[in-house]
Amino acid sequence: MGDLDHQQQALLEKGIIDIQGPVDDDTFNYVRECMLELALKDNPPIHIIITSTGGKIGFGLCIHDMLRMYPGEIVGTVIGVAQSAAALILQACDKRECSRNSSVLVHDVRHNQVTLRQMNDETRRKQITRVLQETQNQVYSILEERMNKPRQFIIDLCDEERELFAQEALELGLIDEIV
């Protein structure tokens, strides 16, 4: 397929997808390319390594969906941090792991590309608010399902926006195992 660099290709041959750095269009394209190559190999089990402070929520949700549709088994391991959109990508994995000294962080959705002119325009402000609310509800639904916690618990956790080290992430249901 050709869009993967040498290291990414070598890792993929071993069933490893390494998500590091910001979650953005490059990350989305990398994961998509990996999924296409894995589909040609009859969807073998894969291991996703995550070291990311997050990024663009739209790309994070698309990667989450892509992984959830993958028919093979997926193990996701946090090494360092899985914050924001990266924490949502982790939730798409069948088995969610975290190294002992790593952390996971979830928070409310942000939109930082808003101009003053847009905020002064009531129609545009309402559109932005509606999109943010819809996206936030998607995040809440994913976390609610994977953590098996009530919606209000998820809302409060996202509002706190605090780093959860492995043990607390395990106790809250954001991961399944500490490795």
Protein backbone atom coordinates (compact mmCIF):
# COMPACT_ATOMS: atom_id res chain seq x y z
CA MET A 1 0.00 0.00 0.00
CA GLY A 2 2.96 2.24 0.55
CA ASP A 3 1.97 5.14 2.84
CA LEU A 4 3.59 3.60 5.92
CA ASP A 5 7.22 4.33 6.73
CA HIS A 6 9.72 1.50 7.29
CA GLN A 7 9.26 1.35 11.08
CA GLN A 8 5.45 1.49 10.87
CA GLN A 9 5.47 -1.29 8.25
CA ALA A 10 7.82 -3.45 10.36
CA LEU A 11 5.60 -2.99 13.42
CA LEU A 12 2.46 -3.75 11.44
CA GLU A 13 4.03 -7.00 10.22
CA LYS A 14 4.12 -7.95 13.92
CA GLY A 15 0.53 -6.80 14.44
CA ILE A 16 1.45 -3.55 16.19
CA ILE A 17 0.02 -0.09 15.53
CA ASP A 18 1.89 2.66 17.39
CA ILE A 19 -0.26 5.73 18.04
CA GLN A 20 2.00 8.46 19.35
CA GLY A 21 1.84 12.23 19.37
CA PRO A 22 -1.22 14.28 18.51
CA VAL A 23 -4.44 12.67 17.29
CA ASP A 24 -4.96 14.40 13.96
CA ASP A 25 -5.51 13.71 10.27
CA ASP A 26 -2.06 12.10 9.98
CA THR A 27 -2.93 9.70 12.81
CA PHE A 28 -6.28 8.93 11.20
CA ASN A 29 -4.63 8.23 7.83
CA TYR A 30 -1.98 6.03 9.47
CA VAL A 31 -4.56 3.92 11.32
CA ARG A 32 -6.75 3.71 8.21
CA GLU A 33 -3.80 2.49 6.13
CA CYS A 34 -3.00 -0.11 8.79
CA MET A 35 -6.63 -1.31 8.84
CA LEU A 36 -6.62 -1.73 5.07
CA GLU A 37 -3.40 -3.76 5.17
CA LEU A 38 -4.71 -5.90 8.03
CA ALA A 39 -7.94 -6.56 6.12
CA LEU A 40 -5.82 -8.06 3.33
CA LYS A 41 -4.35 -10.44 5.94
CA ASP A 42 -7.76 -11.65 7.16
CA ASN A 43 -7.92 -9.31 10.17
CA PRO A 44 -5.39 -10.88 12.56
CA PRO A 45 -5.24 -9.90 16.26
CA ILE A 46 -3.52 -6.54 16.74
CA HIS A 47 -1.85 -4.60 19.53
CA ILE A 48 -2.22 -0.83 19.65
CA ILE A 49 0.37 1.07 21.68
CA ILE A 50 -0.85 4.52 22.74
CA THR A 51 1.33 7.40 23.86
CA SER A 52 -0.62 10.56 23.16
CA THR A 53 -1.88 13.69 24.84
CA GLY A 54 -4.88 13.64 22.50
CA GLY A 55 -5.85 16.03 19.78
CA LYS A 56 -8.79 16.60 17.49
CA ILE A 57 -11.90 14.89 18.83
CA GLY A 58 -13.40 14.31 15.37
CA PHE A 59 -10.39 12.27 14.25
CA GLY A 60 -10.34 10.46 17.60
CA LEU A 61 -13.98 9.44 17.20
CA CYS A 62 -13.36 8.29 13.60
CA ILE A 63 -10.40 6.16 14.71
CA HIS A 64 -12.52 4.78 17.55
CA ASP A 65 -15.23 3.78 15.05
CA MET A 66 -12.69 2.24 12.67
CA LEU A 67 -11.25 0.10 15.45
CA ARG A 68 -14.69 -0.94 16.77
CA MET A 69 -15.58 -2.23 13.29
CA TYR A 70 -12.37 -4.26 13.02
CA PRO A 71 -13.36 -7.95 13.24
CA GLY A 72 -10.08 -9.13 14.75
CA GLU A 73 -9.13 -8.89 18.42
CA ILE A 74 -7.58 -5.60 19.56
CA VAL A 75 -5.44 -5.09 22.64
CA GLY A 76 -4.64 -1.47 23.49
CA THR A 77 -1.79 -0.57 25.82
CA VAL A 78 -1.10 2.88 27.24
CA ILE A 79 2.58 3.62 27.69
CA GLY A 80 2.97 7.08 29.18
CA VAL A 81 -0.34 8.85 28.59
CA ALA A 82 -3.65 8.42 26.81
CA GLN A 83 -5.41 11.73 27.16
CA SER A 84 -8.50 13.20 25.58
CA ALA A 85 -9.08 11.75 22.09
CA ALA A 86 -6.39 9.10 22.73
CA ALA A 87 -8.34 7.88 25.78
CA LEU A 88 -11.38 7.42 23.51
CA ILE A 89 -9.31 5.44 21.01
CA LEU A 90 -8.29 3.15 23.88
CA GLN A 91 -11.97 2.52 24.64
CA ALA A 92 -12.39 0.90 21.21
CA CYS A 93 -10.01 -1.92 22.16
CA ASP A 94 -11.32 -5.31 23.27
CA LYS A 95 -8.73 -5.37 26.06
CA ARG A 96 -7.52 -2.07 27.54
CA GLU A 97 -4.17 -2.12 29.34
CA CYS A 98 -2.06 0.52 31.02
CA SER A 99 1.52 0.30 32.21
CA ARG A 100 1.86 0.83 35.96
CA ASN A 101 3.19 4.39 35.78
CA SER A 102 1.02 5.60 32.92
CA SER A 103 -2.16 7.66 33.06
CA VAL A 104 -5.48 8.23 31.32
CA LEU A 105 -7.38 11.51 31.17
CA VAL A 106 -10.89 12.24 29.91
CA HIS A 107 -12.48 15.69 29.78
CA ASP A 108 -15.25 17.75 28.26
CA VAL A 109 -15.07 18.46 24.53
CA ARG A 110 -13.43 21.71 23.44
CA HIS A 111 -13.68 23.77 20.29
CA ASN A 112 -10.85 26.26 20.01
CA GLN A 113 -11.34 27.41 16.43
CA VAL A 114 -14.11 29.89 17.30
CA THR A 115 -13.73 33.53 16.36
CA LEU A 116 -15.21 36.48 18.20
CA ARG A 117 -17.35 37.22 15.14
CA GLN A 118 -18.83 33.70 15.32
CA MET A 119 -19.56 34.07 19.03
CA ASN A 120 -21.28 37.41 18.42
CA ASP A 121 -23.49 35.84 15.74
CA GLU A 122 -26.34 34.17 17.65
CA THR A 123 -27.15 31.71 14.85
CA ARG A 124 -23.52 30.61 14.51
CA ARG A 125 -23.08 30.42 18.30
CA LYS A 126 -26.12 28.12 18.52
CA GLN A 127 -24.71 25.91 15.74
CA ILE A 128 -21.35 25.63 17.52
CA THR A 129 -23.09 24.85 20.81
CA ARG A 130 -25.24 22.17 19.15
CA VAL A 131 -22.20 20.47 17.58
CA LEU A 132 -20.31 20.58 20.87
CA GLN A 133 -23.29 19.09 22.73
CA GLU A 134 -23.70 16.30 20.17
CA THR A 135 -19.99 15.48 20.25
CA GLN A 136 -19.93 15.55 24.05
CA ASN A 137 -22.87 13.13 24.13
CA GLN A 138 -20.96 10.77 21.84
CA VAL A 139 -18.02 10.87 24.27
CA TYR A 140 -20.29 10.28 27.26
CA SER A 141 -21.96 7.33 25.51
CA ILE A 142 -18.64 5.66 24.69
CA LEU A 143 -17.36 6.07 28.25
CA GLU A 144 -20.69 5.04 29.78
CA GLU A 145 -20.72 1.82 27.78
CA ARG A 146 -17.08 0.87 28.38
CA MET A 147 -16.86 1.94 32.03
CA ASN A 148 -20.29 0.57 32.95
CA LYS A 149 -20.99 3.69 35.01
CA PRO A 150 -24.04 5.99 35.09
CA ARG A 151 -24.09 9.06 32.84
CA GLN A 152 -23.83 11.50 35.76
CA PHE A 153 -20.65 9.78 36.97
CA ILE A 154 -19.15 10.18 33.48
CA ILE A 155 -20.20 13.83 33.30
CA ASP A 156 -18.58 14.54 36.67
CA LEU A 157 -15.39 12.68 35.72
CA CYS A 158 -15.04 14.64 32.47
CA ASP A 159 -15.73 17.89 34.31
CA GLU A 160 -12.95 17.14 36.85
CA GLU A 161 -10.41 16.72 34.05
CA ARG A 162 -7.86 15.00 36.23
CA GLU A 163 -5.08 12.61 35.38
CA LEU A 164 -5.95 9.06 36.45
CA PHE A 165 -2.95 6.84 37.07
CA ALA A 166 -3.22 3.16 36.23
CA GLN A 167 -4.70 1.91 39.51
CA GLU A 168 -7.45 4.52 39.60
CA ALA A 169 -8.14 4.08 35.87
CA LEU A 170 -8.57 0.36 36.56
CA GLU A 171 -10.89 0.96 39.53
CA LEU A 172 -13.04 3.35 37.49
CA GLY A 173 -13.27 1.03 34.47
CA LEU A 174 -11.23 3.02 31.95
CA ILE A 175 -8.83 0.09 31.61
CA ASP A 176 -9.09 -3.67 32.19
CA GLU A 177 -5.58 -4.47 33.37
CA ILE A 178 -2.32 -2.98 34.61
CA VAL A 179 0.76 -4.41 32.88
